[in-house]
Amino acid sequence: MAWYKNHLDTDDYYKFLSKRENDHLCQIFHLYDSEDSDGGEEEDARTKAEQMKLYEEQRQWKHDIREQKNRFEKGMWNAQCVALGGLGRDPDLTHGDMDENEVMSKADENMLNDNTLQERLERIWTELKIPEQCRVDMAMKYSDVEGAERLPEVVDHWESVTDLIIQREDLMSNLECFERSASDPNRFFQKGITGSSVSRISEEKTREKLMKSIKELEEEIVPCLLNIKNAFGDVVTYQGRSYCHKIQTDRVEMLYWLQQERREQALSANVATSEVMSQMSVKSLSMAPTVT
């Protein structure tokens, strides 16, 4: 028995190995079973709960950011519009699956679009001579998320009506230059062709041509102005004045101020004549001989 216990053959060794864990490769190379295989459904539920919690936290965070960006007080500029992600955008959390080049390309594209919109909007403000306060109010109106999404469409509508308004204002300038002499009552008392009926016929033809062109532009402008007001709540102005109201009254106002200008010139001429006559009277009296 002592010899038998001390003597081991190959069969005994194989039998011993069959009853022992002999796979040490997992420990050597750190090949362990995944947690999913051990945790089962309970672990899956915990993982999903953590994912939902993280999703809710991110959603609530973005909601809080949006609330801060969109906070509005009349007469006050909300600096958070710029500090929190820039004008019209939230801090971007959607680029986790993009590489650095894709993120930079997207950022450059957004910056280019923003710069283009800003340049177009500034051109509109300059051509319509919009006052500084009205520009600030418009920028504040379209600085939130919803406004920024509508801004490209708004700029398209404003650009179309701005081009028509500039064309009409050019024609109004031509009409004012024409009426400066064509509406002067003194022309009836002038001699030659200027005071003749032929000149009156020529004036009427020129006036009708200008008025027809202005009327055609007004028929295009008015629907555009109403569309912008109904769709976006914006009132298109020129030099700070509602253009709908300006269209209705600017021709009469132009003729009125031209007449006031003529009256001022006539009064200045009369005052100058009176002063000359007074100086001549004083001079003649001083030169008269003295009666003794």
C-alpha atoms as a PDB file:
ATOM      1  CA  MET A   1       0.000   0.000   0.000  1.00  0.00           C
ATOM      2  CA  ALA A   2       2.847   2.363   0.783  1.00  0.00           C
ATOM      3  CA  TRP A   3       4.419   1.624  -2.578  1.00  0.00           C
ATOM      4  CA  TYR A   4       1.095   2.089  -4.359  1.00  0.00           C
ATOM      5  CA  LYS A   5       0.492   5.498  -2.779  1.00  0.00           C
ATOM      6  CA  ASN A   6       3.959   6.727  -3.680  1.00  0.00           C
ATOM      7  CA  HIS A   7       3.894   5.463  -7.229  1.00  0.00           C
ATOM      8  CA  LEU A   8       1.910   7.510  -9.819  1.00  0.00           C
ATOM      9  CA  ASP A   9       1.422   6.450 -13.376  1.00  0.00           C
ATOM     10  CA  THR A  10       0.034   8.463 -16.316  1.00  0.00           C
ATOM     11  CA  ASP A  11      -3.504   7.162 -15.865  1.00  0.00           C
ATOM     12  CA  ASP A  12      -3.640   8.496 -12.341  1.00  0.00           C
ATOM     13  CA  TYR A  13      -2.389  11.850 -13.525  1.00  0.00           C
ATOM     14  CA  TYR A  14      -5.006  12.102 -16.293  1.00  0.00           C
ATOM     15  CA  LYS A  15      -7.693  11.147 -13.768  1.00  0.00           C
ATOM     16  CA  PHE A  16      -6.450  13.878 -11.442  1.00  0.00           C
ATOM     17  CA  LEU A  17      -6.520  16.480 -14.211  1.00  0.00           C
ATOM     18  CA  SER A  18     -10.022  15.519 -15.244  1.00  0.00           C
ATOM     19  CA  LYS A  19     -11.284  16.552 -11.809  1.00  0.00           C
ATOM     20  CA  ARG A  20      -9.455  19.920 -11.654  1.00  0.00           C
ATOM     21  CA  GLU A  21      -9.794  23.282 -13.416  1.00  0.00           C
ATOM     22  CA  ASN A  22      -6.828  23.372 -15.720  1.00  0.00           C
ATOM     23  CA  ASP A  23      -7.644  26.247 -18.085  1.00  0.00           C
ATOM     24  CA  HIS A  24      -5.354  29.051 -16.910  1.00  0.00           C
ATOM     25  CA  LEU A  25      -5.380  31.037 -20.183  1.00  0.00           C
ATOM     26  CA  CYS A  26      -8.240  33.246 -18.946  1.00  0.00           C
ATOM     27  CA  GLN A  27      -6.201  34.302 -15.910  1.00  0.00           C
ATOM     28  CA  ILE A  28      -3.025  34.745 -17.943  1.00  0.00           C
ATOM     29  CA  PHE A  29      -4.654  36.907 -20.640  1.00  0.00           C
ATOM     30  CA  HIS A  30      -7.417  38.378 -18.427  1.00  0.00           C
ATOM     31  CA  LEU A  31     -10.198  36.710 -20.380  1.00  0.00           C
ATOM     32  CA  TYR A  32     -13.133  36.887 -17.999  1.00  0.00           C
ATOM     33  CA  ASP A  33     -16.791  36.341 -18.605  1.00  0.00           C
ATOM     34  CA  SER A  34     -18.830  39.508 -19.288  1.00  0.00           C
ATOM     35  CA  GLU A  35     -21.061  40.921 -16.594  1.00  0.00           C
ATOM     36  CA  ASP A  36     -24.094  40.396 -18.832  1.00  0.00           C
ATOM     37  CA  SER A  37     -23.643  36.656 -18.659  1.00  0.00           C
ATOM     38  CA  ASP A  38     -23.659  36.719 -14.866  1.00  0.00           C
ATOM     39  CA  GLY A  39     -26.115  39.528 -14.086  1.00  0.00           C
ATOM     40  CA  GLY A  40     -28.863  38.439 -16.427  1.00  0.00           C
ATOM     41  CA  GLU A  41     -32.100  40.405 -16.706  1.00  0.00           C
ATOM     42  CA  GLU A  42     -31.510  42.293 -13.466  1.00  0.00           C
ATOM     43  CA  GLU A  43     -28.285  43.780 -14.806  1.00  0.00           C
ATOM     44  CA  ASP A  44     -29.957  44.701 -18.111  1.00  0.00           C
ATOM     45  CA  ALA A  45     -32.709  46.515 -16.262  1.00  0.00           C
ATOM     46  CA  ARG A  46     -30.175  48.446 -14.165  1.00  0.00           C
ATOM     47  CA  THR A  47     -28.243  49.468 -17.290  1.00  0.00           C
ATOM     48  CA  LYS A  48     -31.396  50.688 -19.040  1.00  0.00           C
ATOM     49  CA  ALA A  49     -32.416  52.616 -15.940  1.00  0.00           C
ATOM     50  CA  GLU A  50     -29.033  54.348 -15.845  1.00  0.00           C
ATOM     51  CA  GLN A  51     -29.299  55.210 -19.540  1.00  0.00           C
ATOM     52  CA  MET A  52     -32.780  56.657 -19.059  1.00  0.00           C
ATOM     53  CA  LYS A  53     -31.567  58.662 -16.079  1.00  0.00           C
ATOM     54  CA  LEU A  54     -28.676  60.065 -18.106  1.00  0.00           C
ATOM     55  CA  TYR A  55     -31.022  60.898 -20.980  1.00  0.00           C
ATOM     56  CA  GLU A  56     -33.415  62.727 -18.648  1.00  0.00           C
ATOM     57  CA  GLU A  57     -30.548  64.688 -17.116  1.00  0.00           C
ATOM     58  CA  GLN A  58     -29.318  65.779 -20.542  1.00  0.00           C
ATOM     59  CA  ARG A  59     -32.833  66.680 -21.666  1.00  0.00           C
ATOM     60  CA  GLN A  60     -33.453  68.716 -18.526  1.00  0.00           C
ATOM     61  CA  TRP A  61     -30.077  70.425 -18.927  1.00  0.00           C
ATOM     62  CA  LYS A  62     -30.847  71.442 -22.505  1.00  0.00           C
ATOM     63  CA  HIS A  63     -34.274  72.661 -21.385  1.00  0.00           C
ATOM     64  CA  ASP A  64     -32.687  74.821 -18.688  1.00  0.00           C
ATOM     65  CA  ILE A  65     -30.173  76.210 -21.200  1.00  0.00           C
ATOM     66  CA  ARG A  66     -32.958  77.068 -23.618  1.00  0.00           C
ATOM     67  CA  GLU A  67     -34.917  78.802 -20.863  1.00  0.00           C
ATOM     68  CA  GLN A  68     -31.903  80.948 -19.996  1.00  0.00           C
ATOM     69  CA  LYS A  69     -31.261  81.831 -23.643  1.00  0.00           C
ATOM     70  CA  ASN A  70     -34.899  82.705 -24.339  1.00  0.00           C
ATOM     71  CA  ARG A  71     -35.493  84.779 -21.212  1.00  0.00           C
ATOM     72  CA  PHE A  72     -36.778  88.162 -22.381  1.00  0.00           C
ATOM     73  CA  GLU A  73     -37.222  91.462 -20.591  1.00  0.00           C
ATOM     74  CA  LYS A  74     -38.440  94.505 -22.462  1.00  0.00           C
ATOM     75  CA  GLY A  75     -35.628  96.960 -23.084  1.00  0.00           C
ATOM     76  CA  MET A  76     -32.948  94.579 -21.801  1.00  0.00           C
ATOM     77  CA  TRP A  77     -30.448  92.568 -23.849  1.00  0.00           C
ATOM     78  CA  ASN A  78     -30.118  88.957 -22.723  1.00  0.00           C
ATOM     79  CA  ALA A  79     -26.353  88.343 -22.810  1.00  0.00           C
ATOM     80  CA  GLN A  80     -26.946  84.596 -22.352  1.00  0.00           C
ATOM     81  CA  CYS A  81     -28.015  84.487 -26.012  1.00  0.00           C
ATOM     82  CA  VAL A  82     -24.345  84.772 -26.939  1.00  0.00           C
ATOM     83  CA  ALA A  83     -22.715  83.091 -23.939  1.00  0.00           C
ATOM     84  CA  LEU A  84     -24.750  79.865 -24.133  1.00  0.00           C
ATOM     85  CA  GLY A  85     -23.925  78.377 -27.496  1.00  0.00           C
ATOM     86  CA  GLY A  86     -24.138  81.512 -29.631  1.00  0.00           C
ATOM     87  CA  LEU A  87     -27.069  83.229 -31.285  1.00  0.00           C
ATOM     88  CA  GLY A  88     -29.827  80.832 -32.243  1.00  0.00           C
ATOM     89  CA  ARG A  89     -28.060  77.639 -31.100  1.00  0.00           C
ATOM     90  CA  ASP A  90     -27.838  75.508 -27.962  1.00  0.00           C
ATOM     91  CA  PRO A  91     -24.514  74.043 -26.793  1.00  0.00           C
ATOM     92  CA  ASP A  92     -24.085  71.095 -29.134  1.00  0.00           C
ATOM     93  CA  LEU A  93     -24.302  67.632 -27.499  1.00  0.00           C
ATOM     94  CA  THR A  94     -25.040  65.662 -30.652  1.00  0.00           C
ATOM     95  CA  HIS A  95     -21.515  65.302 -32.024  1.00  0.00           C
ATOM     96  CA  GLY A  96     -20.318  62.520 -29.723  1.00  0.00           C
ATOM     97  CA  ASP A  97     -20.170  60.075 -32.599  1.00  0.00           C
ATOM     98  CA  MET A  98     -18.320  62.442 -34.965  1.00  0.00           C
ATOM     99  CA  ASP A  99     -14.622  62.815 -35.311  1.00  0.00           C
ATOM    100  CA  GLU A 100     -12.840  66.132 -34.895  1.00  0.00           C
ATOM    101  CA  ASN A 101     -12.772  66.968 -38.614  1.00  0.00           C
ATOM    102  CA  GLU A 102     -16.523  66.458 -38.965  1.00  0.00           C
ATOM    103  CA  VAL A 103     -17.213  68.650 -35.945  1.00  0.00           C
ATOM    104  CA  MET A 104     -14.980  71.440 -37.261  1.00  0.00           C
ATOM    105  CA  SER A 105     -16.565  71.227 -40.718  1.00  0.00           C
ATOM    106  CA  LYS A 106     -20.018  71.502 -39.188  1.00  0.00           C
ATOM    107  CA  ALA A 107     -18.981  74.453 -37.048  1.00  0.00           C
ATOM    108  CA  ASP A 108     -17.413  76.244 -40.040  1.00  0.00           C
ATOM    109  CA  GLU A 109     -20.580  75.675 -42.059  1.00  0.00           C
ATOM    110  CA  ASN A 110     -22.797  77.108 -39.319  1.00  0.00           C
ATOM    111  CA  MET A 111     -20.485  80.113 -38.898  1.00  0.00           C
ATOM    112  CA  LEU A 112     -20.509  80.782 -42.643  1.00  0.00           C
ATOM    113  CA  ASN A 113     -24.304  80.643 -42.763  1.00  0.00           C
ATOM    114  CA  ASP A 114     -24.592  82.968 -39.753  1.00  0.00           C
ATOM    115  CA  ASN A 115     -22.162  85.474 -41.273  1.00  0.00           C
ATOM    116  CA  THR A 116     -24.035  85.421 -44.568  1.00  0.00           C
ATOM    117  CA  LEU A 117     -27.384  86.042 -42.864  1.00  0.00           C
ATOM    118  CA  GLN A 118     -25.903  88.834 -40.783  1.00  0.00           C
ATOM    119  CA  GLU A 119     -24.425  90.549 -43.839  1.00  0.00           C
ATOM    120  CA  ARG A 120     -27.740  90.304 -45.703  1.00  0.00           C
ATOM    121  CA  LEU A 121     -29.649  91.655 -42.723  1.00  0.00           C
ATOM    122  CA  GLU A 122     -27.244  94.567 -42.277  1.00  0.00           C
ATOM    123  CA  ARG A 123     -27.598  95.427 -45.966  1.00  0.00           C
ATOM    124  CA  ILE A 124     -31.398  95.545 -45.524  1.00  0.00           C
ATOM    125  CA  TRP A 125     -31.052  97.810 -42.484  1.00  0.00           C
ATOM    126  CA  THR A 126     -28.687 100.122 -44.338  1.00  0.00           C
ATOM    127  CA  GLU A 127     -30.783 100.427 -47.490  1.00  0.00           C
ATOM    128  CA  LEU A 128     -34.016 101.013 -45.563  1.00  0.00           C
ATOM    129  CA  LYS A 129     -32.206 103.457 -43.201  1.00  0.00           C
ATOM    130  CA  ILE A 130     -33.638 101.677 -40.170  1.00  0.00           C
ATOM    131  CA  PRO A 131     -32.831 103.414 -36.841  1.00  0.00           C
ATOM    132  CA  GLU A 132     -30.495 101.793 -34.352  1.00  0.00           C
ATOM    133  CA  GLN A 133     -33.208 100.995 -31.795  1.00  0.00           C
ATOM    134  CA  CYS A 134     -35.340  99.216 -34.404  1.00  0.00           C
ATOM    135  CA  ARG A 135     -32.307  97.131 -35.415  1.00  0.00           C
ATOM    136  CA  VAL A 136     -31.740  96.099 -31.789  1.00  0.00           C
ATOM    137  CA  ASP A 137     -35.420  95.162 -31.382  1.00  0.00           C
ATOM    138  CA  MET A 138     -35.319  93.015 -34.508  1.00  0.00           C
ATOM    139  CA  ALA A 139     -32.101  91.299 -33.435  1.00  0.00           C
ATOM    140  CA  MET A 140     -33.602  90.506 -30.036  1.00  0.00           C
ATOM    141  CA  LYS A 141     -36.766  89.152 -31.630  1.00  0.00           C
ATOM    142  CA  TYR A 142     -34.877  86.629 -33.773  1.00  0.00           C
ATOM    143  CA  SER A 143     -32.171  85.728 -31.243  1.00  0.00           C
ATOM    144  CA  ASP A 144     -34.031  82.813 -29.641  1.00  0.00           C
ATOM    145  CA  VAL A 145     -34.156  79.281 -31.028  1.00  0.00           C
ATOM    146  CA  GLU A 146     -37.508  79.565 -32.812  1.00  0.00           C
ATOM    147  CA  GLY A 147     -36.653  82.970 -34.242  1.00  0.00           C
ATOM    148  CA  ALA A 148     -33.287  81.776 -35.529  1.00  0.00           C
ATOM    149  CA  GLU A 149     -34.960  78.907 -37.350  1.00  0.00           C
ATOM    150  CA  ARG A 150     -37.277  81.361 -39.146  1.00  0.00           C
ATOM    151  CA  LEU A 151     -34.603  83.987 -39.815  1.00  0.00           C
ATOM    152  CA  PRO A 152     -33.544  82.709 -43.288  1.00  0.00           C
ATOM    153  CA  GLU A 153     -37.148  82.886 -44.487  1.00  0.00           C
ATOM    154  CA  VAL A 154     -37.596  86.314 -42.896  1.00  0.00           C
ATOM    155  CA  VAL A 155     -34.483  87.674 -44.608  1.00  0.00           C
ATOM    156  CA  ASP A 156     -35.667  86.347 -47.986  1.00  0.00           C
ATOM    157  CA  HIS A 157     -38.993  88.198 -47.677  1.00  0.00           C
ATOM    158  CA  TRP A 158     -37.356  91.397 -46.438  1.00  0.00           C
ATOM    159  CA  GLU A 159     -34.816  91.360 -49.265  1.00  0.00           C
ATOM    160  CA  SER A 160     -37.501  91.005 -51.936  1.00  0.00           C
ATOM    161  CA  VAL A 161     -39.535  93.937 -50.636  1.00  0.00           C
ATOM    162  CA  THR A 162     -36.400  96.041 -49.983  1.00  0.00           C
ATOM    163  CA  ASP A 163     -35.413  95.885 -53.645  1.00  0.00           C
ATOM    164  CA  LEU A 164     -38.885  97.102 -54.655  1.00  0.00           C
ATOM    165  CA  ILE A 165     -38.832  99.895 -52.062  1.00  0.00           C
ATOM    166  CA  ILE A 166     -35.452 101.168 -53.277  1.00  0.00           C
ATOM    167  CA  GLN A 167     -36.754 101.251 -56.850  1.00  0.00           C
ATOM    168  CA  ARG A 168     -39.787 103.260 -55.740  1.00  0.00           C
ATOM    169  CA  GLU A 169     -37.685 105.688 -53.695  1.00  0.00           C
ATOM    170  CA  ASP A 170     -35.480 106.322 -56.744  1.00  0.00           C
ATOM    171  CA  LEU A 171     -38.575 107.141 -58.772  1.00  0.00           C
ATOM    172  CA  MET A 172     -39.844 109.392 -55.973  1.00  0.00           C
ATOM    173  CA  SER A 173     -36.533 111.274 -56.041  1.00  0.00           C
ATOM    174  CA  ASN A 174     -36.906 111.762 -59.804  1.00  0.00           C
ATOM    175  CA  LEU A 175     -40.488 112.944 -59.286  1.00  0.00           C
ATOM    176  CA  GLU A 176     -39.371 115.451 -56.639  1.00  0.00           C
ATOM    177  CA  CYS A 177     -36.697 116.869 -58.945  1.00  0.00           C
ATOM    178  CA  PHE A 178     -39.284 117.172 -61.687  1.00  0.00           C
ATOM    179  CA  GLU A 179     -41.987 118.758 -59.489  1.00  0.00           C
ATOM    180  CA  ARG A 180     -39.524 121.295 -58.089  1.00  0.00           C
ATOM    181  CA  SER A 181     -40.024 123.268 -61.299  1.00  0.00           C
ATOM    182  CA  ALA A 182     -43.126 121.641 -62.796  1.00  0.00           C
ATOM    183  CA  SER A 183     -45.327 122.528 -59.795  1.00  0.00           C
ATOM    184  CA  ASP A 184     -44.089 126.112 -59.425  1.00  0.00           C
ATOM    185  CA  PRO A 185     -47.006 128.549 -60.072  1.00  0.00           C
ATOM    186  CA  ASN A 186     -44.581 131.237 -61.264  1.00  0.00           C
ATOM    187  CA  ARG A 187     -43.899 129.280 -64.441  1.00  0.00           C
ATOM    188  CA  PHE A 188     -47.266 130.443 -65.834  1.00  0.00           C
ATOM    189  CA  PHE A 189     -45.998 134.036 -65.847  1.00  0.00           C
ATOM    190  CA  GLN A 190     -42.718 133.324 -67.590  1.00  0.00           C
ATOM    191  CA  LYS A 191     -42.189 134.319 -71.190  1.00  0.00           C
ATOM    192  CA  GLY A 192     -41.198 132.052 -74.026  1.00  0.00           C
ATOM    193  CA  ILE A 193     -41.722 128.293 -74.296  1.00  0.00           C
ATOM    194  CA  THR A 194     -41.489 127.822 -70.504  1.00  0.00           C
ATOM    195  CA  GLY A 195     -44.822 129.587 -70.008  1.00  0.00           C
ATOM    196  CA  SER A 196     -46.541 128.161 -73.091  1.00  0.00           C
ATOM    197  CA  SER A 197     -49.164 125.394 -73.283  1.00  0.00           C
ATOM    198  CA  VAL A 198     -46.659 123.162 -75.088  1.00  0.00           C
ATOM    199  CA  SER A 199     -44.540 123.056 -71.952  1.00  0.00           C
ATOM    200  CA  ARG A 200     -47.635 122.123 -69.884  1.00  0.00           C
ATOM    201  CA  ILE A 201     -48.379 119.164 -72.181  1.00  0.00           C
ATOM    202  CA  SER A 202     -44.799 117.941 -71.938  1.00  0.00           C
ATOM    203  CA  GLU A 203     -44.908 118.252 -68.144  1.00  0.00           C
ATOM    204  CA  GLU A 204     -48.105 116.232 -67.944  1.00  0.00           C
ATOM    205  CA  LYS A 205     -46.683 113.418 -70.070  1.00  0.00           C
ATOM    206  CA  THR A 206     -43.572 113.205 -67.899  1.00  0.00           C
ATOM    207  CA  ARG A 207     -45.679 113.260 -64.730  1.00  0.00           C
ATOM    208  CA  GLU A 208     -47.990 110.499 -65.977  1.00  0.00           C
ATOM    209  CA  LYS A 209     -45.037 108.298 -66.914  1.00  0.00           C
ATOM    210  CA  LEU A 210     -43.440 108.639 -63.474  1.00  0.00           C
ATOM    211  CA  MET A 211     -46.728 108.150 -61.645  1.00  0.00           C
ATOM    212  CA  LYS A 212     -47.520 105.025 -63.665  1.00  0.00           C
ATOM    213  CA  SER A 213     -44.165 103.442 -62.800  1.00  0.00           C
ATOM    214  CA  ILE A 214     -44.623 104.309 -59.116  1.00  0.00           C
ATOM    215  CA  LYS A 215     -48.138 102.874 -59.108  1.00  0.00           C
ATOM    216  CA  GLU A 216     -46.961  99.591 -60.628  1.00  0.00           C
ATOM    217  CA  LEU A 217     -44.308  99.223 -57.928  1.00  0.00           C
ATOM    218  CA  GLU A 218     -46.836 100.001 -55.205  1.00  0.00           C
ATOM    219  CA  GLU A 219     -49.073  97.181 -56.448  1.00  0.00           C
ATOM    220  CA  GLU A 220     -46.153  94.787 -55.842  1.00  0.00           C
ATOM    221  CA  ILE A 221     -44.961  96.332 -52.586  1.00  0.00           C
ATOM    222  CA  VAL A 222     -48.231  96.472 -50.633  1.00  0.00           C
ATOM    223  CA  PRO A 223     -48.978  92.693 -50.776  1.00  0.00           C
ATOM    224  CA  CYS A 224     -45.387  91.967 -49.703  1.00  0.00           C
ATOM    225  CA  LEU A 225     -45.707  94.336 -46.737  1.00  0.00           C
ATOM    226  CA  LEU A 226     -48.978  92.729 -45.643  1.00  0.00           C
ATOM    227  CA  ASN A 227     -47.518  89.222 -46.069  1.00  0.00           C
ATOM    228  CA  ILE A 228     -44.526  90.053 -43.856  1.00  0.00           C
ATOM    229  CA  LYS A 229     -46.781  91.572 -41.200  1.00  0.00           C
ATOM    230  CA  ASN A 230     -49.191  88.621 -41.166  1.00  0.00           C
ATOM    231  CA  ALA A 231     -46.541  85.877 -41.357  1.00  0.00           C
ATOM    232  CA  PHE A 232     -43.859  87.275 -39.044  1.00  0.00           C
ATOM    233  CA  GLY A 233     -45.442  90.229 -37.241  1.00  0.00           C
ATOM    234  CA  ASP A 234     -42.854  92.652 -38.695  1.00  0.00           C
ATOM    235  CA  VAL A 235     -43.629  96.183 -39.856  1.00  0.00           C
ATOM    236  CA  VAL A 236     -41.382  97.200 -42.744  1.00  0.00           C
ATOM    237  CA  THR A 237     -40.167 100.757 -42.259  1.00  0.00           C
ATOM    238  CA  TYR A 238     -38.170 103.313 -44.212  1.00  0.00           C
ATOM    239  CA  GLN A 239     -36.218 105.857 -42.156  1.00  0.00           C
ATOM    240  CA  GLY A 240     -38.114 104.556 -39.117  1.00  0.00           C
ATOM    241  CA  ARG A 241     -41.543 105.191 -40.690  1.00  0.00           C
ATOM    242  CA  SER A 242     -44.068 102.525 -41.646  1.00  0.00           C
ATOM    243  CA  TYR A 243     -43.845 102.157 -45.415  1.00  0.00           C
ATOM    244  CA  CYS A 244     -47.554 101.341 -45.751  1.00  0.00           C
ATOM    245  CA  HIS A 245     -48.344 104.756 -44.306  1.00  0.00           C
ATOM    246  CA  LYS A 246     -45.593 106.454 -46.307  1.00  0.00           C
ATOM    247  CA  ILE A 247     -47.002 105.174 -49.603  1.00  0.00           C
ATOM    248  CA  GLN A 248     -50.344 106.803 -48.838  1.00  0.00           C
ATOM    249  CA  THR A 249     -49.051 110.273 -47.991  1.00  0.00           C
ATOM    250  CA  ASP A 250     -45.521 110.893 -49.287  1.00  0.00           C
ATOM    251  CA  ARG A 251     -46.533 112.432 -52.655  1.00  0.00           C
ATOM    252  CA  VAL A 252     -48.800 115.014 -50.998  1.00  0.00           C
ATOM    253  CA  GLU A 253     -46.132 115.717 -48.381  1.00  0.00           C
ATOM    254  CA  MET A 254     -43.522 116.206 -51.095  1.00  0.00           C
ATOM    255  CA  LEU A 255     -45.648 118.821 -52.895  1.00  0.00           C
ATOM    256  CA  TYR A 256     -46.407 120.572 -49.592  1.00  0.00           C
ATOM    257  CA  TRP A 257     -42.755 120.908 -48.594  1.00  0.00           C
ATOM    258  CA  LEU A 258     -41.783 122.081 -52.068  1.00  0.00           C
ATOM    259  CA  GLN A 259     -44.358 124.861 -51.751  1.00  0.00           C
ATOM    260  CA  GLN A 260     -43.066 125.715 -48.265  1.00  0.00           C
ATOM    261  CA  GLU A 261     -39.568 125.926 -49.686  1.00  0.00           C
ATOM    262  CA  ARG A 262     -40.746 128.380 -52.352  1.00  0.00           C
ATOM    263  CA  ARG A 263     -42.490 130.506 -49.734  1.00  0.00           C
ATOM    264  CA  GLU A 264     -39.329 130.624 -47.652  1.00  0.00           C
ATOM    265  CA  GLN A 265     -37.294 131.656 -50.666  1.00  0.00           C
ATOM    266  CA  ALA A 266     -39.861 134.333 -51.561  1.00  0.00           C
ATOM    267  CA  LEU A 267     -39.873 135.707 -48.014  1.00  0.00           C
ATOM    268  CA  SER A 268     -36.081 135.767 -47.953  1.00  0.00           C
ATOM    269  CA  ALA A 269     -36.055 137.620 -51.262  1.00  0.00           C
ATOM    270  CA  ASN A 270     -38.615 140.182 -49.980  1.00  0.00           C
ATOM    271  CA  VAL A 271     -36.630 140.743 -46.799  1.00  0.00           C
ATOM    272  CA  ALA A 272     -33.456 141.274 -48.815  1.00  0.00           C
ATOM    273  CA  THR A 273     -35.266 143.728 -51.130  1.00  0.00           C
ATOM    274  CA  SER A 274     -36.687 145.636 -48.171  1.00  0.00           C
ATOM    275  CA  GLU A 275     -33.253 145.947 -46.602  1.00  0.00           C
ATOM    276  CA  VAL A 276     -31.792 147.258 -49.855  1.00  0.00           C
ATOM    277  CA  MET A 277     -34.603 149.793 -50.223  1.00  0.00           C
ATOM    278  CA  SER A 278     -34.142 150.949 -46.639  1.00  0.00           C
ATOM    279  CA  GLN A 279     -30.410 151.410 -47.143  1.00  0.00           C
ATOM    280  CA  MET A 280     -31.038 153.377 -50.352  1.00  0.00           C
ATOM    281  CA  SER A 281     -33.583 155.589 -48.561  1.00  0.00           C
ATOM    282  CA  VAL A 282     -31.187 156.348 -45.728  1.00  0.00           C
ATOM    283  CA  LYS A 283     -28.409 157.089 -48.183  1.00  0.00           C
ATOM    284  CA  SER A 284     -30.581 159.430 -50.252  1.00  0.00           C
ATOM    285  CA  LEU A 285     -31.676 161.333 -47.161  1.00  0.00           C
ATOM    286  CA  SER A 286     -28.091 161.789 -46.048  1.00  0.00           C
ATOM    287  CA  MET A 287     -27.133 163.162 -49.448  1.00  0.00           C
ATOM    288  CA  ALA A 288     -30.060 165.646 -49.656  1.00  0.00           C
ATOM    289  CA  PRO A 289     -29.089 169.369 -49.372  1.00  0.00           C
ATOM    290  CA  THR A 290     -29.731 171.038 -46.069  1.00  0.00           C
ATOM    291  CA  VAL A 291     -32.347 173.909 -46.171  1.00  0.00           C
ATOM    292  CA  THR A 292     -31.255 177.009 -44.161  1.00  0.00           C
END
